[in-house]
Amino acid sequence: MAYQNFEDLEVWKRACAQSKEIYRLLEDWKRYSLKDQMERSGLSVPSNIAEGQERDSKGDFIRFLRIAKGSNGELRTQIHVATQLGFISPEKSRELLVESKEISAMLQGLIRAIESRL
């Protein structure tokens, strides 16, 4: 796990792309409360990865990675609800959920890697 800063982390890059996808998908939505919550959850993932890494403490980094993982789970729940309400197509939902699960697994792997070096 060689990296200089959070911008080098593949999980951060993918979380940014996921957030951008959510913003684009919801651009014309009129469901403001769900839209706002999904945008916030999506943006929280890469933001917490960055904040944790910038704190220069392995313990803080792990804590913020766990927060990012939680926000990612929150986003996944919101995708399920939006799909059940018919706001997101089943095909798009599957795509978003697969990516979210992969990001979650990557976050867990990074947490384990950092913990093993404590």
PDB file of N, CA and C in Angstrom:
ATOM      1  N   MET A   1       0.840  -1.173   0.000  1.00  0.00           N
ATOM      2  CA  MET A   1       0.000   0.000   0.000  1.00  0.00           C
ATOM      3  C   MET A   1       0.890   1.242   0.000  1.00  0.00           C
ATOM      4  N   ALA A   2       1.530   1.501  -1.127  1.00  0.00           N
ATOM      5  CA  ALA A   2       2.400   2.668  -1.233  1.00  0.00           C
ATOM      6  C   ALA A   2       1.606   3.843  -1.796  1.00  0.00           C
ATOM      7  N   TYR A   3       1.522   4.911  -1.025  1.00  0.00           N
ATOM      8  CA  TYR A   3       0.849   6.114  -1.492  1.00  0.00           C
ATOM      9  C   TYR A   3       1.455   7.309  -0.777  1.00  0.00           C
ATOM     10  N   GLN A   4       1.422   8.444  -1.431  1.00  0.00           N
ATOM     11  CA  GLN A   4       1.944   9.676  -0.857  1.00  0.00           C
ATOM     12  C   GLN A   4       0.839  10.508  -0.212  1.00  0.00           C
ATOM     13  N   ASN A   5      -0.340  10.486  -0.839  1.00  0.00           N
ATOM     14  CA  ASN A   5      -1.460  11.262  -0.319  1.00  0.00           C
ATOM     15  C   ASN A   5      -2.764  10.603  -0.762  1.00  0.00           C
ATOM     16  N   PHE A   6      -3.860  11.107  -0.270  1.00  0.00           N
ATOM     17  CA  PHE A   6      -5.145  10.470  -0.552  1.00  0.00           C
ATOM     18  C   PHE A   6      -5.475  10.433  -2.035  1.00  0.00           C
ATOM     19  N   GLU A   7      -4.962  11.411  -2.818  1.00  0.00           N
ATOM     20  CA  GLU A   7      -5.241  11.435  -4.256  1.00  0.00           C
ATOM     21  C   GLU A   7      -4.634  10.232  -4.986  1.00  0.00           C
ATOM     22  N   ASP A   8      -3.677   9.566  -4.352  1.00  0.00           N
ATOM     23  CA  ASP A   8      -3.062   8.374  -4.936  1.00  0.00           C
ATOM     24  C   ASP A   8      -3.889   7.108  -4.698  1.00  0.00           C
ATOM     25  N   LEU A   9      -4.823   7.169  -3.773  1.00  0.00           N
ATOM     26  CA  LEU A   9      -5.598   5.980  -3.396  1.00  0.00           C
ATOM     27  C   LEU A   9      -6.695   5.687  -4.424  1.00  0.00           C
ATOM     28  N   GLU A  10      -6.690   4.471  -4.938  1.00  0.00           N
ATOM     29  CA  GLU A  10      -7.711   4.067  -5.919  1.00  0.00           C
ATOM     30  C   GLU A  10      -9.113   4.155  -5.320  1.00  0.00           C
ATOM     31  N   VAL A  11      -9.255   3.836  -4.049  1.00  0.00           N
ATOM     32  CA  VAL A  11     -10.576   3.896  -3.419  1.00  0.00           C
ATOM     33  C   VAL A  11     -11.085   5.338  -3.369  1.00  0.00           C
ATOM     34  N   TRP A  12     -10.199   6.297  -3.146  1.00  0.00           N
ATOM     35  CA  TRP A  12     -10.607   7.709  -3.160  1.00  0.00           C
ATOM     36  C   TRP A  12     -11.048   8.112  -4.566  1.00  0.00           C
ATOM     37  N   LYS A  13     -10.295   7.698  -5.575  1.00  0.00           N
ATOM     38  CA  LYS A  13     -10.641   8.020  -6.965  1.00  0.00           C
ATOM     39  C   LYS A  13     -12.014   7.446  -7.328  1.00  0.00           C
ATOM     40  N   ARG A  14     -12.247   6.198  -6.958  1.00  0.00           N
ATOM     41  CA  ARG A  14     -13.531   5.567  -7.273  1.00  0.00           C
ATOM     42  C   ARG A  14     -14.675   6.185  -6.479  1.00  0.00           C
ATOM     43  N   ALA A  15     -14.416   6.577  -5.245  1.00  0.00           N
ATOM     44  CA  ALA A  15     -15.446   7.234  -4.440  1.00  0.00           C
ATOM     45  C   ALA A  15     -15.786   8.610  -5.031  1.00  0.00           C
ATOM     46  N   CYS A  16     -14.794   9.316  -5.538  1.00  0.00           N
ATOM     47  CA  CYS A  16     -15.063  10.593  -6.220  1.00  0.00           C
ATOM     48  C   CYS A  16     -15.919  10.364  -7.459  1.00  0.00           C
ATOM     49  N   ALA A  17     -15.575   9.341  -8.232  1.00  0.00           N
ATOM     50  CA  ALA A  17     -16.354   9.026  -9.438  1.00  0.00           C
ATOM     51  C   ALA A  17     -17.783   8.633  -9.072  1.00  0.00           C
ATOM     52  N   GLN A  18     -17.941   7.886  -7.978  1.00  0.00           N
ATOM     53  CA  GLN A  18     -19.276   7.500  -7.516  1.00  0.00           C
ATOM     54  C   GLN A  18     -20.079   8.744  -7.135  1.00  0.00           C
ATOM     55  N   SER A  19     -19.464   9.667  -6.423  1.00  0.00           N
ATOM     56  CA  SER A  19     -20.140  10.900  -6.031  1.00  0.00           C
ATOM     57  C   SER A  19     -20.559  11.701  -7.259  1.00  0.00           C
ATOM     58  N   LYS A  20     -19.664  11.812  -8.217  1.00  0.00           N
ATOM     59  CA  LYS A  20     -19.970  12.535  -9.456  1.00  0.00           C
ATOM     60  C   LYS A  20     -21.132  11.884 -10.189  1.00  0.00           C
ATOM     61  N   GLU A  21     -21.162  10.558 -10.222  1.00  0.00           N
ATOM     62  CA  GLU A  21     -22.253   9.827 -10.879  1.00  0.00           C
ATOM     63  C   GLU A  21     -23.590  10.109 -10.191  1.00  0.00           C
ATOM     64  N   ILE A  22     -23.580  10.141  -8.869  1.00  0.00           N
ATOM     65  CA  ILE A  22     -24.805  10.437  -8.123  1.00  0.00           C
ATOM     66  C   ILE A  22     -25.287  11.852  -8.439  1.00  0.00           C
ATOM     67  N   TYR A  23     -24.385  12.812  -8.415  1.00  0.00           N
ATOM     68  CA  TYR A  23     -24.773  14.197  -8.741  1.00  0.00           C
ATOM     69  C   TYR A  23     -25.379  14.284 -10.139  1.00  0.00           C
ATOM     70  N   ARG A  24     -24.759  13.629 -11.100  1.00  0.00           N
ATOM     71  CA  ARG A  24     -25.279  13.676 -12.469  1.00  0.00           C
ATOM     72  C   ARG A  24     -26.631  12.981 -12.585  1.00  0.00           C
ATOM     73  N   LEU A  25     -26.756  11.841 -11.933  1.00  0.00           N
ATOM     74  CA  LEU A  25     -28.000  11.079 -11.990  1.00  0.00           C
ATOM     75  C   LEU A  25     -29.170  11.878 -11.409  1.00  0.00           C
ATOM     76  N   LEU A  26     -28.910  12.603 -10.355  1.00  0.00           N
ATOM     77  CA  LEU A  26     -29.972  13.298  -9.627  1.00  0.00           C
ATOM     78  C   LEU A  26     -30.162  14.747 -10.069  1.00  0.00           C
ATOM     79  N   GLU A  27     -29.428  15.171 -11.061  1.00  0.00           N
ATOM     80  CA  GLU A  27     -29.400  16.575 -11.478  1.00  0.00           C
ATOM     81  C   GLU A  27     -30.792  17.192 -11.662  1.00  0.00           C
ATOM     82  N   ASP A  28     -31.710  16.463 -12.276  1.00  0.00           N
ATOM     83  CA  ASP A  28     -33.039  17.004 -12.578  1.00  0.00           C
ATOM     84  C   ASP A  28     -34.128  16.526 -11.618  1.00  0.00           C
ATOM     85  N   TRP A  29     -33.739  15.878 -10.541  1.00  0.00           N
ATOM     86  CA  TRP A  29     -34.719  15.382  -9.586  1.00  0.00           C
ATOM     87  C   TRP A  29     -35.442  16.524  -8.898  1.00  0.00           C
ATOM     88  N   LYS A  30     -36.704  16.277  -8.590  1.00  0.00           N
ATOM     89  CA  LYS A  30     -37.489  17.232  -7.804  1.00  0.00           C
ATOM     90  C   LYS A  30     -37.694  16.721  -6.370  1.00  0.00           C
ATOM     91  N   ARG A  31     -37.242  15.525  -6.089  1.00  0.00           N
ATOM     92  CA  ARG A  31     -37.351  14.929  -4.741  1.00  0.00           C
ATOM     93  C   ARG A  31     -36.202  15.471  -3.896  1.00  0.00           C
ATOM     94  N   TYR A  32     -36.349  16.700  -3.431  1.00  0.00           N
ATOM     95  CA  TYR A  32     -35.228  17.422  -2.864  1.00  0.00           C
ATOM     96  C   TYR A  32     -34.631  16.787  -1.618  1.00  0.00           C
ATOM     97  N   SER A  33     -35.432  16.259  -0.729  1.00  0.00           N
ATOM     98  CA  SER A  33     -34.856  15.703   0.504  1.00  0.00           C
ATOM     99  C   SER A  33     -34.052  14.436   0.214  1.00  0.00           C
ATOM    100  N   LEU A  34     -34.582  13.539  -0.603  1.00  0.00           N
ATOM    101  CA  LEU A  34     -33.846  12.323  -0.954  1.00  0.00           C
ATOM    102  C   LEU A  34     -32.627  12.674  -1.799  1.00  0.00           C
ATOM    103  N   LYS A  35     -32.796  13.585  -2.743  1.00  0.00           N
ATOM    104  CA  LYS A  35     -31.685  14.039  -3.585  1.00  0.00           C
ATOM    105  C   LYS A  35     -30.557  14.598  -2.720  1.00  0.00           C
ATOM    106  N   ASP A  36     -30.893  15.491  -1.803  1.00  0.00           N
ATOM    107  CA  ASP A  36     -29.900  16.108  -0.933  1.00  0.00           C
ATOM    108  C   ASP A  36     -29.178  15.063  -0.090  1.00  0.00           C
ATOM    109  N   GLN A  37     -29.926  14.133   0.468  1.00  0.00           N
ATOM    110  CA  GLN A  37     -29.318  13.120   1.324  1.00  0.00           C
ATOM    111  C   GLN A  37     -28.394  12.207   0.532  1.00  0.00           C
ATOM    112  N   MET A  38     -28.800  11.830  -0.680  1.00  0.00           N
ATOM    113  CA  MET A  38     -27.948  10.965  -1.507  1.00  0.00           C
ATOM    114  C   MET A  38     -26.678  11.692  -1.945  1.00  0.00           C
ATOM    115  N   GLU A  39     -26.815  12.967  -2.296  1.00  0.00           N
ATOM    116  CA  GLU A  39     -25.628  13.739  -2.678  1.00  0.00           C
ATOM    117  C   GLU A  39     -24.671  13.879  -1.497  1.00  0.00           C
ATOM    118  N   ARG A  40     -25.227  14.126  -0.321  1.00  0.00           N
ATOM    119  CA  ARG A  40     -24.384  14.268   0.874  1.00  0.00           C
ATOM    120  C   ARG A  40     -23.692  12.951   1.238  1.00  0.00           C
ATOM    121  N   SER A  41     -24.427  11.854   1.178  1.00  0.00           N
ATOM    122  CA  SER A  41     -23.830  10.551   1.490  1.00  0.00           C
ATOM    123  C   SER A  41     -22.717  10.227   0.508  1.00  0.00           C
ATOM    124  N   GLY A  42     -23.000  10.445  -0.770  1.00  0.00           N
ATOM    125  CA  GLY A  42     -22.001  10.144  -1.797  1.00  0.00           C
ATOM    126  C   GLY A  42     -20.745  10.979  -1.657  1.00  0.00           C
ATOM    127  N   LEU A  43     -20.906  12.269  -1.370  1.00  0.00           N
ATOM    128  CA  LEU A  43     -19.762  13.160  -1.224  1.00  0.00           C
ATOM    129  C   LEU A  43     -18.992  12.894   0.067  1.00  0.00           C
ATOM    130  N   SER A  44     -19.679  12.382   1.067  1.00  0.00           N
ATOM    131  CA  SER A  44     -19.051  12.088   2.346  1.00  0.00           C
ATOM    132  C   SER A  44     -17.986  10.995   2.236  1.00  0.00           C
ATOM    133  N   VAL A  45     -18.151  10.077   1.311  1.00  0.00           N
ATOM    134  CA  VAL A  45     -17.209   8.956   1.206  1.00  0.00           C
ATOM    135  C   VAL A  45     -15.804   9.448   0.857  1.00  0.00           C
ATOM    136  N   PRO A  46     -15.589  10.105  -0.293  1.00  0.00           N
ATOM    137  CA  PRO A  46     -14.228  10.550  -0.588  1.00  0.00           C
ATOM    138  C   PRO A  46     -13.743  11.652   0.362  1.00  0.00           C
ATOM    139  N   SER A  47     -14.673  12.459   0.857  1.00  0.00           N
ATOM    140  CA  SER A  47     -14.288  13.538   1.774  1.00  0.00           C
ATOM    141  C   SER A  47     -13.707  12.986   3.072  1.00  0.00           C
ATOM    142  N   ASN A  48     -14.308  11.931   3.590  1.00  0.00           N
ATOM    143  CA  ASN A  48     -13.793  11.337   4.827  1.00  0.00           C
ATOM    144  C   ASN A  48     -12.495  10.581   4.607  1.00  0.00           C
ATOM    145  N   ILE A  49     -12.324   9.974   3.451  1.00  0.00           N
ATOM    146  CA  ILE A  49     -11.036   9.344   3.130  1.00  0.00           C
ATOM    147  C   ILE A  49      -9.948  10.413   3.166  1.00  0.00           C
ATOM    148  N   ALA A  50     -10.213  11.540   2.508  1.00  0.00           N
ATOM    149  CA  ALA A  50      -9.238  12.631   2.452  1.00  0.00           C
ATOM    150  C   ALA A  50      -8.960  13.213   3.842  1.00  0.00           C
ATOM    151  N   GLU A  51     -10.012  13.496   4.582  1.00  0.00           N
ATOM    152  CA  GLU A  51      -9.816  14.098   5.902  1.00  0.00           C
ATOM    153  C   GLU A  51      -9.025  13.184   6.820  1.00  0.00           C
ATOM    154  N   GLY A  52      -9.348  11.910   6.803  1.00  0.00           N
ATOM    155  CA  GLY A  52      -8.632  10.967   7.661  1.00  0.00           C
ATOM    156  C   GLY A  52      -7.162  10.867   7.318  1.00  0.00           C
ATOM    157  N   GLN A  53      -6.858  10.801   6.036  1.00  0.00           N
ATOM    158  CA  GLN A  53      -5.456  10.680   5.620  1.00  0.00           C
ATOM    159  C   GLN A  53      -4.678  11.945   5.951  1.00  0.00           C
ATOM    160  N   GLU A  54      -5.314  13.087   5.837  1.00  0.00           N
ATOM    161  CA  GLU A  54      -4.639  14.360   6.093  1.00  0.00           C
ATOM    162  C   GLU A  54      -4.356  14.598   7.576  1.00  0.00           C
ATOM    163  N   ARG A  55      -4.934  13.836   8.451  1.00  0.00           N
ATOM    164  CA  ARG A  55      -4.725  14.039   9.888  1.00  0.00           C
ATOM    165  C   ARG A  55      -3.399  13.465  10.381  1.00  0.00           C
ATOM    166  N   ASP A  56      -2.710  12.724   9.538  1.00  0.00           N
ATOM    167  CA  ASP A  56      -1.376  12.193   9.877  1.00  0.00           C
ATOM    168  C   ASP A  56      -1.363  11.325  11.131  1.00  0.00           C
ATOM    169  N   SER A  57      -2.430  10.600  11.335  1.00  0.00           N
ATOM    170  CA  SER A  57      -2.516   9.670  12.457  1.00  0.00           C
ATOM    171  C   SER A  57      -3.207   8.402  11.949  1.00  0.00           C
ATOM    172  N   LYS A  58      -2.556   7.268  12.146  1.00  0.00           N
ATOM    173  CA  LYS A  58      -3.158   6.010  11.679  1.00  0.00           C
ATOM    174  C   LYS A  58      -4.508   5.769  12.343  1.00  0.00           C
ATOM    175  N   GLY A  59      -4.607   6.077  13.625  1.00  0.00           N
ATOM    176  CA  GLY A  59      -5.871   5.891  14.332  1.00  0.00           C
ATOM    177  C   GLY A  59      -6.979   6.765  13.765  1.00  0.00           C
ATOM    178  N   ASP A  60      -6.664   8.025  13.500  1.00  0.00           N
ATOM    179  CA  ASP A  60      -7.648   8.924  12.900  1.00  0.00           C
ATOM    180  C   ASP A  60      -8.012   8.475  11.489  1.00  0.00           C
ATOM    181  N   PHE A  61      -6.998   8.050  10.734  1.00  0.00           N
ATOM    182  CA  PHE A  61      -7.268   7.604   9.370  1.00  0.00           C
ATOM    183  C   PHE A  61      -8.245   6.435   9.389  1.00  0.00           C
ATOM    184  N   ILE A  62      -8.015   5.466  10.251  1.00  0.00           N
ATOM    185  CA  ILE A  62      -8.917   4.315  10.361  1.00  0.00           C
ATOM    186  C   ILE A  62     -10.320   4.772  10.762  1.00  0.00           C
ATOM    187  N   ARG A  63     -10.405   5.684  11.720  1.00  0.00           N
ATOM    188  CA  ARG A  63     -11.712   6.180  12.169  1.00  0.00           C
ATOM    189  C   ARG A  63     -12.472   6.835  11.011  1.00  0.00           C
ATOM    190  N   PHE A  64     -11.793   7.654  10.222  1.00  0.00           N
ATOM    191  CA  PHE A  64     -12.452   8.324   9.111  1.00  0.00           C
ATOM    192  C   PHE A  64     -12.766   7.362   7.962  1.00  0.00           C
ATOM    193  N   LEU A  65     -11.947   6.339   7.785  1.00  0.00           N
ATOM    194  CA  LEU A  65     -12.280   5.317   6.783  1.00  0.00           C
ATOM    195  C   LEU A  65     -13.549   4.576   7.187  1.00  0.00           C
ATOM    196  N   ARG A  66     -13.719   4.342   8.471  1.00  0.00           N
ATOM    197  CA  ARG A  66     -14.951   3.696   8.951  1.00  0.00           C
ATOM    198  C   ARG A  66     -16.160   4.608   8.755  1.00  0.00           C
ATOM    199  N   ILE A  67     -15.975   5.894   8.950  1.00  0.00           N
ATOM    200  CA  ILE A  67     -17.062   6.846   8.691  1.00  0.00           C
ATOM    201  C   ILE A  67     -17.403   6.823   7.204  1.00  0.00           C
ATOM    202  N   ALA A  68     -16.378   6.816   6.347  1.00  0.00           N
ATOM    203  CA  ALA A  68     -16.602   6.745   4.894  1.00  0.00           C
ATOM    204  C   ALA A  68     -17.365   5.479   4.530  1.00  0.00           C
ATOM    205  N   LYS A  69     -16.993   4.372   5.148  1.00  0.00           N
ATOM    206  CA  LYS A  69     -17.667   3.097   4.899  1.00  0.00           C
ATOM    207  C   LYS A  69     -19.131   3.178   5.330  1.00  0.00           C
ATOM    208  N   GLY A  70     -19.391   3.824   6.457  1.00  0.00           N
ATOM    209  CA  GLY A  70     -20.761   4.009   6.916  1.00  0.00           C
ATOM    210  C   GLY A  70     -21.576   4.877   5.968  1.00  0.00           C
ATOM    211  N   SER A  71     -20.973   5.950   5.481  1.00  0.00           N
ATOM    212  CA  SER A  71     -21.654   6.820   4.516  1.00  0.00           C
ATOM    213  C   SER A  71     -21.945   6.071   3.228  1.00  0.00           C
ATOM    214  N   ASN A  72     -21.032   5.198   2.842  1.00  0.00           N
ATOM    215  CA  ASN A  72     -21.240   4.400   1.644  1.00  0.00           C
ATOM    216  C   ASN A  72     -22.422   3.442   1.830  1.00  0.00           C
ATOM    217  N   GLY A  73     -22.548   2.871   3.011  1.00  0.00           N
ATOM    218  CA  GLY A  73     -23.705   2.027   3.306  1.00  0.00           C
ATOM    219  C   GLY A  73     -24.996   2.820   3.328  1.00  0.00           C
ATOM    220  N   GLU A  74     -24.921   4.032   3.837  1.00  0.00           N
ATOM    221  CA  GLU A  74     -26.082   4.921   3.842  1.00  0.00           C
ATOM    222  C   GLU A  74     -26.517   5.212   2.403  1.00  0.00           C
ATOM    223  N   LEU A  75     -25.550   5.505   1.531  1.00  0.00           N
ATOM    224  CA  LEU A  75     -25.861   5.759   0.125  1.00  0.00           C
ATOM    225  C   LEU A  75     -26.501   4.529  -0.514  1.00  0.00           C
ATOM    226  N   ARG A  76     -25.983   3.362  -0.207  1.00  0.00           N
ATOM    227  CA  ARG A  76     -26.535   2.134  -0.782  1.00  0.00           C
ATOM    228  C   ARG A  76     -27.997   1.947  -0.363  1.00  0.00           C
ATOM    229  N   THR A  77     -28.307   2.243   0.876  1.00  0.00           N
ATOM    230  CA  THR A  77     -29.693   2.170   1.348  1.00  0.00           C
ATOM    231  C   THR A  77     -30.572   3.137   0.571  1.00  0.00           C
ATOM    232  N   GLN A  78     -30.090   4.339   0.355  1.00  0.00           N
ATOM    233  CA  GLN A  78     -30.853   5.351  -0.363  1.00  0.00           C
ATOM    234  C   GLN A  78     -31.063   4.961  -1.827  1.00  0.00           C
ATOM    235  N   ILE A  79     -30.074   4.301  -2.417  1.00  0.00           N
ATOM    236  CA  ILE A  79     -30.236   3.785  -3.787  1.00  0.00           C
ATOM    237  C   ILE A  79     -31.354   2.755  -3.819  1.00  0.00           C
ATOM    238  N   HIS A  80     -31.372   1.861  -2.830  1.00  0.00           N
ATOM    239  CA  HIS A  80     -32.443   0.854  -2.756  1.00  0.00           C
ATOM    240  C   HIS A  80     -33.813   1.528  -2.655  1.00  0.00           C
ATOM    241  N   VAL A  81     -33.935   2.514  -1.777  1.00  0.00           N
ATOM    242  CA  VAL A  81     -35.221   3.202  -1.589  1.00  0.00           C
ATOM    243  C   VAL A  81     -35.633   3.924  -2.868  1.00  0.00           C
ATOM    244  N   ALA A  82     -34.697   4.644  -3.475  1.00  0.00           N
ATOM    245  CA  ALA A  82     -35.005   5.375  -4.721  1.00  0.00           C
ATOM    246  C   ALA A  82     -35.426   4.411  -5.829  1.00  0.00           C
ATOM    247  N   THR A  83     -34.833   3.248  -5.856  1.00  0.00           N
ATOM    248  CA  THR A  83     -35.198   2.240  -6.859  1.00  0.00           C
ATOM    249  C   THR A  83     -36.593   1.690  -6.582  1.00  0.00           C
ATOM    250  N   GLN A  84     -36.876   1.384  -5.319  1.00  0.00           N
ATOM    251  CA  GLN A  84     -38.191   0.871  -4.955  1.00  0.00           C
ATOM    252  C   GLN A  84     -39.295   1.886  -5.252  1.00  0.00           C
ATOM    253  N   LEU A  85     -38.963   3.160  -5.182  1.00  0.00           N
ATOM    254  CA  LEU A  85     -39.930   4.213  -5.493  1.00  0.00           C
ATOM    255  C   LEU A  85     -40.038   4.474  -6.993  1.00  0.00           C
ATOM    256  N   GLY A  86     -39.174   3.845  -7.773  1.00  0.00           N
ATOM    257  CA  GLY A  86     -39.204   4.003  -9.221  1.00  0.00           C
ATOM    258  C   GLY A  86     -38.441   5.214  -9.732  1.00  0.00           C
ATOM    259  N   PHE A  87     -37.608   5.809  -8.894  1.00  0.00           N
ATOM    260  CA  PHE A  87     -36.843   6.990  -9.301  1.00  0.00           C
ATOM    261  C   PHE A  87     -35.553   6.616 -10.040  1.00  0.00           C
ATOM    262  N   ILE A  88     -35.064   5.412  -9.790  1.00  0.00           N
ATOM    263  CA  ILE A  88     -33.859   4.902 -10.454  1.00  0.00           C
ATOM    264  C   ILE A  88     -34.239   3.584 -11.113  1.00  0.00           C
ATOM    265  N   SER A  89     -33.802   3.385 -12.339  1.00  0.00           N
ATOM    266  CA  SER A  89     -34.113   2.139 -13.047  1.00  0.00           C
ATOM    267  C   SER A  89     -33.401   0.966 -12.381  1.00  0.00           C
ATOM    268  N   PRO A  90     -33.975  -0.230 -12.487  1.00  0.00           N
ATOM    269  CA  PRO A  90     -33.310  -1.405 -11.913  1.00  0.00           C
ATOM    270  C   PRO A  90     -31.900  -1.617 -12.464  1.00  0.00           C
ATOM    271  N   GLU A  91     -31.699  -1.347 -13.744  1.00  0.00           N
ATOM    272  CA  GLU A  91     -30.385  -1.528 -14.353  1.00  0.00           C
ATOM    273  C   GLU A  91     -29.365  -0.561 -13.746  1.00  0.00           C
ATOM    274  N   LYS A  92     -29.739   0.706 -13.650  1.00  0.00           N
ATOM    275  CA  LYS A  92     -28.839   1.712 -13.072  1.00  0.00           C
ATOM    276  C   LYS A  92     -28.596   1.413 -11.606  1.00  0.00           C
ATOM    277  N   SER A  93     -29.617   0.973 -10.916  1.00  0.00           N
ATOM    278  CA  SER A  93     -29.491   0.618  -9.510  1.00  0.00           C
ATOM    279  C   SER A  93     -28.458  -0.489  -9.315  1.00  0.00           C
ATOM    280  N   ARG A  94     -28.543  -1.531 -10.130  1.00  0.00           N
ATOM    281  CA  ARG A  94     -27.572  -2.631 -10.027  1.00  0.00           C
ATOM    282  C   ARG A  94     -26.151  -2.114 -10.221  1.00  0.00           C
ATOM    283  N   GLU A  95     -25.966  -1.259 -11.211  1.00  0.00           N
ATOM    284  CA  GLU A  95     -24.646  -0.685 -11.485  1.00  0.00           C
ATOM    285  C   GLU A  95     -24.128   0.108 -10.287  1.00  0.00           C
ATOM    286  N   LEU A  96     -24.968   0.957  -9.733  1.00  0.00           N
ATOM    287  CA  LEU A  96     -24.577   1.768  -8.579  1.00  0.00           C
ATOM    288  C   LEU A  96     -24.286   0.913  -7.354  1.00  0.00           C
ATOM    289  N   LEU A  97     -25.103  -0.111  -7.130  1.00  0.00           N
ATOM    290  CA  LEU A  97     -24.924  -0.969  -5.960  1.00  0.00           C
ATOM    291  C   LEU A  97     -23.650  -1.798  -6.052  1.00  0.00           C
ATOM    292  N   VAL A  98     -23.341  -2.298  -7.240  1.00  0.00           N
ATOM    293  CA  VAL A  98     -22.100  -3.060  -7.421  1.00  0.00           C
ATOM    294  C   VAL A  98     -20.894  -2.182  -7.102  1.00  0.00           C
ATOM    295  N   GLU A  99     -20.881  -0.971  -7.651  1.00  0.00           N
ATOM    296  CA  GLU A  99     -19.757  -0.063  -7.390  1.00  0.00           C
ATOM    297  C   GLU A  99     -19.666   0.286  -5.910  1.00  0.00           C
ATOM    298  N   SER A 100     -20.786   0.551  -5.271  1.00  0.00           N
ATOM    299  CA  SER A 100     -20.788   0.883  -3.854  1.00  0.00           C
ATOM    300  C   SER A 100     -20.242  -0.278  -3.014  1.00  0.00           C
ATOM    301  N   LYS A 101     -20.628  -1.490  -3.344  1.00  0.00           N
ATOM    302  CA  LYS A 101     -20.126  -2.660  -2.607  1.00  0.00           C
ATOM    303  C   LYS A 101     -18.630  -2.848  -2.813  1.00  0.00           C
ATOM    304  N   GLU A 102     -18.146  -2.582  -4.018  1.00  0.00           N
ATOM    305  CA  GLU A 102     -16.708  -2.698  -4.278  1.00  0.00           C
ATOM    306  C   GLU A 102     -15.934  -1.632  -3.503  1.00  0.00           C
ATOM    307  N   ILE A 103     -16.457  -0.431  -3.449  1.00  0.00           N
ATOM    308  CA  ILE A 103     -15.820   0.635  -2.672  1.00  0.00           C
ATOM    309  C   ILE A 103     -15.795   0.253  -1.193  1.00  0.00           C
ATOM    310  N   SER A 104     -16.874  -0.301  -0.691  1.00  0.00           N
ATOM    311  CA  SER A 104     -16.925  -0.735   0.702  1.00  0.00           C
ATOM    312  C   SER A 104     -15.857  -1.794   0.988  1.00  0.00           C
ATOM    313  N   ALA A 105     -15.714  -2.746   0.082  1.00  0.00           N
ATOM    314  CA  ALA A 105     -14.690  -3.786   0.248  1.00  0.00           C
ATOM    315  C   ALA A 105     -13.283  -3.181   0.205  1.00  0.00           C
ATOM    316  N   MET A 106     -13.080  -2.216  -0.672  1.00  0.00           N
ATOM    317  CA  MET A 106     -11.776  -1.554  -0.749  1.00  0.00           C
ATOM    318  C   MET A 106     -11.475  -0.793   0.541  1.00  0.00           C
ATOM    319  N   LEU A 107     -12.481  -0.120   1.085  1.00  0.00           N
ATOM    320  CA  LEU A 107     -12.291   0.588   2.349  1.00  0.00           C
ATOM    321  C   LEU A 107     -11.938  -0.381   3.466  1.00  0.00           C
ATOM    322  N   GLN A 108     -12.637  -1.514   3.522  1.00  0.00           N
ATOM    323  CA  GLN A 108     -12.352  -2.508   4.560  1.00  0.00           C
ATOM    324  C   GLN A 108     -10.939  -3.053   4.399  1.00  0.00           C
ATOM    325  N   GLY A 109     -10.518  -3.293   3.164  1.00  0.00           N
ATOM    326  CA  GLY A 109      -9.156  -3.764   2.923  1.00  0.00           C
ATOM    327  C   GLY A 109      -8.115  -2.748   3.367  1.00  0.00           C
ATOM    328  N   LEU A 110      -8.371  -1.474   3.109  1.00  0.00           N
ATOM    329  CA  LEU A 110      -7.442  -0.428   3.529  1.00  0.00           C
ATOM    330  C   LEU A 110      -7.402  -0.331   5.054  1.00  0.00           C
ATOM    331  N   ILE A 111      -8.536  -0.443   5.693  1.00  0.00           N
ATOM    332  CA  ILE A 111      -8.581  -0.436   7.166  1.00  0.00           C
ATOM    333  C   ILE A 111      -7.728  -1.580   7.717  1.00  0.00           C
ATOM    334  N   ARG A 112      -7.907  -2.769   7.175  1.00  0.00           N
ATOM    335  CA  ARG A 112      -7.124  -3.933   7.647  1.00  0.00           C
ATOM    336  C   ARG A 112      -5.632  -3.738   7.417  1.00  0.00           C
ATOM    337  N   ALA A 113      -5.279  -3.179   6.266  1.00  0.00           N
ATOM    338  CA  ALA A 113      -3.864  -2.960   5.965  1.00  0.00           C
ATOM    339  C   ALA A 113      -3.239  -1.980   6.958  1.00  0.00           C
ATOM    340  N   ILE A 114      -3.959  -0.913   7.280  1.00  0.00           N
ATOM    341  CA  ILE A 114      -3.440   0.071   8.217  1.00  0.00           C
ATOM    342  C   ILE A 114      -3.370  -0.525   9.625  1.00  0.00           C
ATOM    343  N   GLU A 115      -4.414  -1.268  10.016  1.00  0.00           N
ATOM    344  CA  GLU A 115      -4.420  -1.899  11.345  1.00  0.00           C
ATOM    345  C   GLU A 115      -3.256  -2.881  11.509  1.00  0.00           C
ATOM    346  N   SER A 116      -2.912  -3.573  10.457  1.00  0.00           N
ATOM    347  CA  SER A 116      -1.832  -4.561  10.548  1.00  0.00           C
ATOM    348  C   SER A 116      -0.465  -3.908  10.753  1.00  0.00           C
ATOM    349  N   ARG A 117      -0.387  -2.606  10.463  1.00  0.00           N
ATOM    350  CA  ARG A 117       0.874  -1.878  10.637  1.00  0.00           C
ATOM    351  C   ARG A 117       0.917  -1.046  11.897  1.00  0.00           C
ATOM    352  N   LEU A 118      -0.110  -1.161  12.751  1.00  0.00           N
ATOM    353  CA  LEU A 118      -0.114  -0.401  14.023  1.00  0.00           C
ATOM    354  C   LEU A 118       0.804  -1.009  15.033  1.00  0.00           C
TER     355      LEU A 118
END
